[in-house]
Protein backbone atom coordinates (compact mmCIF):
# COMPACT_ATOMS: atom_id res chain seq x y z
CA MET A 1 -45.40 125.97 -42.73
CA ASN A 2 -43.79 128.84 -44.62
CA ASP A 3 -43.62 132.57 -43.99
CA THR A 4 -46.55 133.24 -46.31
CA THR A 5 -48.98 131.08 -44.35
CA LEU A 6 -51.84 133.13 -42.97
CA PRO A 7 -52.44 133.20 -39.21
CA ILE A 8 -55.24 131.22 -37.64
CA GLY A 9 -58.05 132.90 -35.73
CA ILE A 10 -59.31 131.41 -32.46
CA THR A 11 -62.82 132.38 -31.34
CA LEU A 12 -63.42 132.17 -27.59
CA GLY A 13 -66.90 130.66 -27.82
CA ASP A 14 -69.14 131.11 -24.78
CA ILE A 15 -66.91 132.94 -22.31
CA ALA A 16 -68.92 131.68 -19.33
CA GLY A 17 -67.62 128.22 -20.27
CA VAL A 18 -64.15 126.74 -20.62
CA GLY A 19 -63.34 128.36 -23.98
CA PRO A 20 -61.12 131.12 -22.56
CA GLU A 21 -59.23 128.67 -20.34
CA ILE A 22 -58.43 126.11 -23.05
CA THR A 23 -57.47 128.94 -25.41
CA VAL A 24 -55.06 130.46 -22.89
CA LYS A 25 -53.52 127.07 -22.11
CA ALA A 26 -53.03 126.27 -25.79
CA ILE A 27 -51.48 129.65 -26.58
CA ALA A 28 -49.12 129.39 -23.60
CA GLU A 29 -47.63 126.23 -25.13
CA MET A 30 -47.13 127.71 -28.62
CA SER A 31 -43.75 128.63 -30.02
CA ALA A 32 -43.08 132.33 -30.49
CA ALA A 33 -43.58 131.91 -34.26
CA ASP A 34 -46.92 130.15 -33.87
CA ARG A 35 -48.12 132.69 -31.31
CA ASP A 36 -47.30 135.42 -33.80
CA ARG A 37 -49.47 133.57 -36.35
CA THR A 38 -52.48 133.51 -34.01
CA ILE A 39 -55.25 136.05 -33.52
CA VAL A 40 -57.88 135.60 -30.80
CA PHE A 41 -61.37 136.85 -31.58
CA GLY A 42 -62.74 137.49 -28.13
CA ASN A 43 -62.74 139.68 -25.08
CA ILE A 44 -59.60 140.79 -23.26
CA PRO A 45 -61.10 140.79 -19.72
CA ALA A 46 -62.32 137.21 -20.30
CA LEU A 47 -58.84 136.17 -21.40
CA GLU A 48 -57.27 137.88 -18.40
CA ALA A 49 -59.69 136.12 -16.06
CA ALA A 50 -58.82 132.78 -17.67
CA ALA A 51 -55.11 133.51 -17.29
CA ARG A 52 -55.63 134.19 -13.57
CA VAL A 53 -57.52 130.96 -12.86
CA THR A 54 -55.02 128.88 -14.83
CA GLY A 55 -51.98 130.60 -13.32
CA ILE A 56 -50.60 131.47 -16.77
CA ASP A 57 -48.61 134.66 -17.36
CA LEU A 58 -49.67 136.10 -20.72
CA ALA A 59 -50.19 139.63 -21.96
CA PHE A 60 -53.14 140.44 -24.24
CA ALA A 61 -53.40 143.45 -26.54
CA PRO A 62 -55.48 144.67 -29.48
CA VAL A 63 -54.18 143.14 -32.70
CA ASP A 64 -53.15 146.45 -34.25
CA ALA A 65 -51.16 147.54 -31.19
CA ALA A 66 -49.76 144.31 -29.75
CA PRO A 67 -46.12 144.46 -28.62
CA ALA A 68 -43.80 141.55 -29.33
CA GLY A 69 -44.78 138.48 -27.34
CA ALA A 70 -48.29 139.64 -26.51
CA VAL A 71 -51.34 137.68 -27.58
CA LYS A 72 -53.06 139.53 -30.42
CA VAL A 73 -56.78 140.01 -29.79
CA GLU A 74 -59.61 141.29 -31.97
CA HIS A 75 -61.36 142.66 -28.90
CA VAL A 76 -65.15 142.64 -28.64
CA ALA A 77 -66.51 144.72 -25.75
CA ILE A 78 -69.24 143.20 -23.57
CA ASP A 79 -71.48 144.98 -21.08
CA GLY A 80 -70.44 144.07 -17.55
CA ASP A 81 -67.35 142.11 -18.54
CA PRO A 82 -65.85 139.91 -17.37
CA ILE A 83 -68.93 137.68 -17.36
CA PRO A 84 -68.93 135.15 -14.48
CA PHE A 85 -67.79 131.63 -15.26
CA GLY A 86 -70.18 128.71 -15.12
CA LYS A 87 -73.54 130.48 -15.51
CA LEU A 88 -75.85 130.61 -18.52
CA ASP A 89 -75.82 134.20 -19.75
CA ALA A 90 -77.38 135.66 -22.90
CA ARG A 91 -74.59 138.26 -22.98
CA ALA A 92 -72.11 135.41 -23.46
CA GLY A 93 -74.29 133.96 -26.22
CA ASP A 94 -74.36 137.30 -28.02
CA ALA A 95 -70.61 137.70 -27.60
CA ALA A 96 -69.98 134.22 -29.01
CA PHE A 97 -71.92 135.18 -32.12
CA ARG A 98 -70.01 138.44 -32.49
CA PHE A 99 -66.65 136.65 -32.11
CA ILE A 100 -67.62 134.31 -34.95
CA ALA A 101 -68.97 137.09 -37.16
CA LYS A 102 -65.75 139.07 -36.78
CA ALA A 103 -63.61 136.00 -37.54
CA VAL A 104 -65.67 135.24 -40.66
CA GLU A 105 -65.15 138.81 -41.80
CA HIS A 106 -61.38 138.38 -41.47
CA ALA A 107 -61.38 134.95 -43.14
CA VAL A 108 -63.43 136.11 -46.12
CA ALA A 109 -61.08 139.09 -46.52
CA GLY A 110 -58.07 136.77 -46.51
CA ARG A 111 -56.57 138.02 -43.27
CA ILE A 112 -56.68 134.65 -41.50
CA GLY A 113 -56.31 131.17 -42.98
CA CYS A 114 -58.60 129.17 -40.69
CA ILE A 115 -61.09 129.79 -37.89
CA VAL A 116 -60.61 127.60 -34.79
CA THR A 117 -63.64 127.70 -32.52
CA ALA A 118 -63.97 127.12 -28.79
CA PRO A 119 -67.37 125.72 -27.70
CA ILE A 120 -70.60 127.70 -27.71
CA ASN A 121 -73.75 127.19 -25.65
CA LYS A 122 -76.74 126.90 -27.96
CA GLU A 123 -79.22 127.97 -25.27
CA ALA A 124 -77.29 131.16 -24.54
CA LEU A 125 -76.93 131.81 -28.26
CA ASN A 126 -80.68 131.51 -28.82
CA ASP A 127 -81.48 133.51 -25.66
CA ALA A 128 -79.48 136.32 -27.26
CA GLY A 129 -81.63 136.17 -30.38
CA HIS A 130 -79.22 134.26 -32.61
CA HIS A 131 -81.27 131.30 -33.74
CA TYR A 132 -78.80 128.72 -34.97
CA ASP A 133 -78.44 125.08 -34.02
CA GLY A 134 -74.67 125.07 -34.06
CA HIS A 135 -71.47 126.60 -35.36
CA THR A 136 -71.71 125.07 -38.82
CA GLY A 137 -75.16 126.44 -39.55
CA MET A 138 -74.10 129.84 -38.25
CA LEU A 139 -71.03 129.85 -40.47
CA ALA A 140 -73.08 128.80 -43.49
CA ALA A 141 -75.48 131.70 -42.90
CA LEU A 142 -72.69 134.22 -42.34
CA THR A 143 -70.85 133.20 -45.50
CA GLY A 144 -73.90 132.74 -47.71
CA SER A 145 -73.13 129.06 -48.30
CA LYS A 146 -75.82 126.80 -49.70
CA ALA A 147 -74.69 123.64 -47.93
CA SER A 148 -72.28 122.63 -45.19
CA PHE A 149 -71.05 119.39 -43.68
CA MET A 150 -69.60 118.31 -40.33
CA LEU A 151 -66.48 116.15 -40.44
CA LEU A 152 -65.13 114.60 -37.23
CA ALA A 153 -61.46 113.75 -37.73
CA SER A 154 -59.05 111.74 -35.61
CA GLU A 155 -55.87 109.79 -36.22
CA ARG A 156 -57.53 106.41 -36.88
CA LEU A 157 -61.20 107.19 -37.55
CA SER A 158 -63.03 110.00 -39.32
CA ALA A 159 -66.72 110.51 -40.08
CA ILE A 160 -68.66 113.03 -42.14
CA HIS A 161 -72.37 113.51 -41.46
CA VAL A 162 -75.28 113.73 -43.87
CA SER A 163 -77.16 115.62 -41.12
CA THR A 164 -76.56 116.43 -37.47
CA HIS A 165 -78.75 118.59 -35.24
CA VAL A 166 -82.16 117.37 -36.34
CA SER A 167 -84.53 114.70 -35.05
CA LEU A 168 -83.91 111.12 -36.12
CA LYS A 169 -87.13 111.15 -38.16
CA THR A 170 -86.03 114.31 -39.96
CA ALA A 171 -82.55 112.88 -40.50
CA ILE A 172 -83.96 109.85 -42.30
CA ASP A 173 -86.04 112.11 -44.54
CA ARG A 174 -83.01 114.32 -45.17
CA ALA A 175 -80.86 111.38 -46.29
CA THR A 176 -81.78 111.78 -49.95
CA PRO A 177 -79.56 110.39 -52.71
CA GLU A 178 -78.64 113.95 -53.66
CA ARG A 179 -77.64 114.95 -50.13
CA ILE A 180 -75.69 111.72 -49.56
CA LEU A 181 -73.83 112.16 -52.85
CA ALA A 182 -73.00 115.77 -51.91
CA THR A 183 -71.65 114.54 -48.56
CA ILE A 184 -69.49 111.89 -50.26
CA ARG A 185 -68.13 114.49 -52.66
CA ALA A 186 -67.33 116.93 -49.85
CA GLY A 187 -65.44 114.29 -47.86
CA HIS A 188 -63.59 113.05 -50.93
CA ALA A 189 -62.49 116.55 -51.95
CA HIS A 190 -61.30 117.36 -48.43
CA LEU A 191 -59.22 114.21 -48.08
CA LYS A 192 -57.59 114.81 -51.45
CA ARG A 193 -56.83 118.37 -50.41
CA ILE A 194 -54.95 117.21 -47.31
CA GLY A 195 -52.90 114.69 -49.25
CA LEU A 196 -54.76 111.41 -49.77
CA GLY A 197 -54.42 110.42 -53.40
CA ARG A 198 -57.41 108.07 -53.59
CA PRO A 199 -59.56 108.24 -50.46
CA ARG A 200 -61.51 105.12 -49.54
CA ILE A 201 -64.97 106.14 -48.41
CA ALA A 202 -67.49 103.89 -46.65
CA VAL A 203 -71.15 104.88 -46.54
CA ALA A 204 -73.06 103.65 -43.50
CA GLY A 205 -76.56 102.30 -43.86
CA ILE A 206 -79.56 103.60 -41.96
CA ASN A 207 -81.37 100.45 -40.87
CA PRO A 208 -80.13 97.37 -39.00
CA HIS A 209 -78.19 95.20 -41.46
CA CYS A 210 -78.97 97.82 -44.13
CA GLY A 211 -82.58 96.70 -44.10
CA GLU A 212 -82.05 93.02 -45.00
CA ASN A 213 -83.50 93.54 -48.50
CA GLY A 214 -86.55 95.35 -47.18
CA LEU A 215 -87.24 93.28 -44.07
CA PHE A 216 -86.25 96.19 -41.78
CA GLY A 217 -86.93 99.14 -44.07
CA ASN A 218 -86.15 100.08 -47.65
CA GLU A 219 -84.27 103.39 -47.16
CA ASP A 220 -80.86 101.81 -47.74
CA GLY A 221 -81.77 100.57 -51.18
CA LEU A 222 -83.82 103.58 -52.23
CA GLN A 223 -81.79 106.43 -50.73
CA ILE A 224 -78.20 105.32 -50.08
CA ALA A 225 -77.35 102.80 -52.80
CA PRO A 226 -78.08 105.23 -55.68
CA ALA A 227 -75.80 107.84 -54.12
CA VAL A 228 -72.94 105.35 -53.79
CA ALA A 229 -73.42 104.21 -57.38
CA ALA A 230 -73.36 107.82 -58.60
CA ALA A 231 -70.17 108.53 -56.61
CA ARG A 232 -68.46 105.49 -58.07
CA ALA A 233 -69.51 106.59 -61.56
CA GLU A 234 -67.60 109.83 -60.86
CA GLY A 235 -64.46 107.89 -60.00
CA ILE A 236 -64.79 108.13 -56.21
CA ASP A 237 -63.77 104.99 -54.32
CA ALA A 238 -67.05 104.76 -52.39
CA HIS A 239 -68.53 101.62 -50.82
CA GLY A 240 -71.93 100.93 -49.33
CA PRO A 241 -74.35 100.96 -47.85
CA ILE A 242 -72.44 99.04 -45.17
CA PRO A 243 -74.16 97.93 -41.93
CA PRO A 244 -73.55 100.70 -39.36
CA ASP A 245 -72.75 98.21 -36.58
CA THR A 246 -69.56 97.07 -38.40
CA VAL A 247 -68.45 99.88 -40.68
CA PHE A 248 -66.78 101.98 -38.00
CA HIS A 249 -64.84 98.99 -36.68
CA ARG A 250 -63.59 98.27 -40.21
CA ALA A 251 -62.59 101.89 -40.76
CA TYR A 252 -60.82 102.08 -37.40
CA HIS A 253 -58.70 99.09 -38.42
CA GLY A 254 -57.70 100.62 -41.74
CA ALA A 255 -60.22 99.45 -44.33
CA PHE A 256 -61.49 102.98 -45.06
CA ASP A 257 -60.26 106.56 -44.71
CA LEU A 258 -63.69 108.05 -44.01
CA VAL A 259 -67.18 106.92 -43.01
CA VAL A 260 -70.27 108.78 -44.20
CA ALA A 261 -72.65 108.73 -41.22
CA GLN A 262 -76.33 109.26 -41.93
CA TYR A 263 -77.17 111.16 -38.74
CA HIS A 264 -75.67 112.77 -35.65
CA ASP A 265 -75.37 109.93 -33.15
CA GLN A 266 -74.44 107.34 -35.76
CA GLY A 267 -71.20 109.23 -36.35
CA HIS A 268 -70.64 110.89 -32.98
CA ILE A 269 -70.91 107.84 -30.74
CA PRO A 270 -68.05 105.84 -32.32
CA MET A 271 -65.90 108.94 -32.71
CA LYS A 272 -66.27 109.90 -29.06
CA LEU A 273 -65.71 106.32 -27.98
CA VAL A 274 -62.33 105.96 -29.68
CA ALA A 275 -61.02 109.55 -29.71
CA PHE A 276 -62.93 111.61 -27.17
CA GLU A 277 -60.06 113.99 -26.37
CA SER A 278 -58.48 114.27 -29.83
CA THR A 279 -61.38 114.44 -32.30
CA VAL A 280 -61.45 117.63 -34.34
CA ASN A 281 -64.69 119.04 -35.75
CA VAL A 282 -64.08 120.36 -39.29
CA SER A 283 -66.65 122.31 -41.31
CA LEU A 284 -66.71 121.48 -45.03
CA GLY A 285 -68.61 123.07 -47.87
CA LEU A 286 -67.89 126.66 -46.77
CA PRO A 287 -65.76 129.31 -48.49
CA VAL A 288 -63.74 129.60 -45.26
CA ASP A 289 -61.98 126.90 -43.24
CA ARG A 290 -63.06 126.12 -39.70
CA THR A 291 -61.95 123.57 -37.13
CA SER A 292 -63.23 123.16 -33.59
CA VAL A 293 -62.97 121.26 -30.38
CA ASP A 294 -65.52 118.48 -30.15
CA HIS A 295 -66.75 119.13 -26.61
CA GLY A 296 -69.10 121.51 -24.87
CA THR A 297 -68.78 124.53 -22.63
CA ALA A 298 -68.42 122.47 -19.42
CA PHE A 299 -70.03 125.07 -17.15
CA ASP A 300 -69.52 122.71 -14.20
CA ILE A 301 -65.73 123.18 -14.25
CA ALA A 302 -65.48 126.59 -15.93
CA GLY A 303 -63.37 129.00 -13.90
CA THR A 304 -61.57 126.26 -11.96
CA GLY A 305 -58.55 126.03 -14.27
CA ARG A 306 -59.08 122.26 -14.60
CA ALA A 307 -60.29 122.17 -18.23
CA GLU A 308 -58.04 120.07 -20.47
CA HIS A 309 -56.83 121.66 -23.71
CA VAL A 310 -55.76 118.51 -25.58
CA ASN A 311 -58.71 118.86 -27.93
CA MET A 312 -57.98 122.56 -28.54
CA ASN A 313 -54.38 121.71 -29.42
CA ALA A 314 -55.63 119.16 -31.96
CA ALA A 315 -58.06 121.67 -33.48
CA ILE A 316 -55.30 124.28 -33.75
CA ALA A 317 -52.89 121.81 -35.38
CA TYR A 318 -55.52 120.81 -37.95
CA GLY A 319 -56.34 124.47 -38.54
CA ARG A 320 -52.71 125.30 -39.24
CA LYS A 321 -52.56 122.43 -41.73
CA LEU A 322 -55.53 123.88 -43.60
CA ALA A 323 -54.13 127.42 -43.44
CA ALA A 324 -50.91 126.15 -45.02
CA ASN A 325 -52.92 124.60 -47.88
CA PRO A 326 -55.62 127.18 -48.66
CA LYS A 327 -58.63 126.61 -50.89
CA SER A 328 -58.37 127.94 -54.42
CA ALA A 329 -60.61 130.76 -55.60
CA ALA A 330 -62.51 128.20 -57.67
CA GLU A 331 -63.09 125.99 -54.61
CA ARG A 332 -64.39 128.93 -52.60
CA ALA A 333 -66.70 129.98 -55.41
CA ALA A 334 -68.04 126.44 -55.76
CA THR A 335 -69.24 126.44 -52.14
CA LEU A 336 -71.41 129.45 -52.88
CA ALA A 337 -72.77 128.09 -56.16
CA ALA A 338 -73.68 124.61 -54.86
CA PRO A 339 -77.39 123.77 -54.74
CA ALA A 340 -78.97 123.88 -51.29
CA GLN A 341 -78.89 120.46 -49.67
CA GLY A 342 -79.83 121.24 -46.06
CA THR A 343 -77.15 122.28 -43.65
CA ALA A 344 -75.50 119.75 -41.38
CA ALA A 345 -75.23 121.98 -38.33
C-alpha cells in the first residue's frame, strides 16, 4: 500500500447488533498508519458504548476535527442514542441505511477507496421504511447500478452467485443464460483485477447430476450450458455445468479459482462449512467497491463484548487490497451502462 491509497470506510451496520463491537476490536488492532486510513460511518455514542463493553480505550471524533490517534467518524445522529444492544429497533435500521448512504456518497466522490460493512438486520431496515433485501441491493439502488453480484471469498474456496435473496423457484427462473454469462464475466474480471492471469471458473449445475440428460430436469442444458459456451467463446476459462455435489470439493482442492453458484444456499452452505469465520462478502458489478463480514447481527450476544472480529479483519484486509487497486473510470462507467440482469442481493 502506498501513500496515495485512499482510506477505507467502515459502516457500523445495525448498532443494536455486534457491528460496533467488531469494528472497535478491529480498529484497536490496526497500526497507526492503517487507523489513519480508516473512516467509520456511524454514531459516536454507539462506538463509545462498544468500547466500554469490550474494555478498549479508543477516542472517537468527527472526521474533520479528529486529533492524531483518534478514530475518525462520519457521525450520524440518532434520536435517543445510544440505542440498546440486542433489541430489534427501527431506529437502528434507519441509521444503518444512513451510514451506507453516507459511505456511498464518499466512495462515489473518490474520498474513500472501499466500503467495509458490518452486518445489518433486514427486519429493522424494512421497519424503518427502507425496503431492500440486503446490502448489495441497497448499494445497487444508491449507485444507480443495473446489476450486482455477491462474491464470497476465502483462502481456498470462492463462490459468486447468480441470485441470492429470492425463493428457490424464483432463483431457477432467474438463472437465464444471459444472467449466468454476466455472473461469469463479473467473477472473471474481478479475479483478473486482483492478480489472477487466467482465472479458472467452474459453473455449478442446478439439478442433481446436472439433470442426467433431462431425467431430472432440463435447466442445465437449456440455461447453463449456453452461458458457459458463450463465456468460452469470449476467451474465459469456464467449465460446466458441473454437478453441484462435487464442484465445490474440486474447487477447494485447487481445480478451480471460482465457482458460479446458481442460488443462495448452493453457494453459502459450502462456503460457511469450510470458512465460516474468514469468508468475505464482496459486491461486484457496482461503481464502488464493497466488502463485508459474512455473518449477522448476533443480537443474542450484542453488548457482551464476546463477538469475534476475525471476519471483520478479513473484510478490512480485502477492502484495503481493493482500495490499493482501484477500478478505472471505464470500469466504473461500465457498471452503470450494463443491461439490467436482476440484482443478486
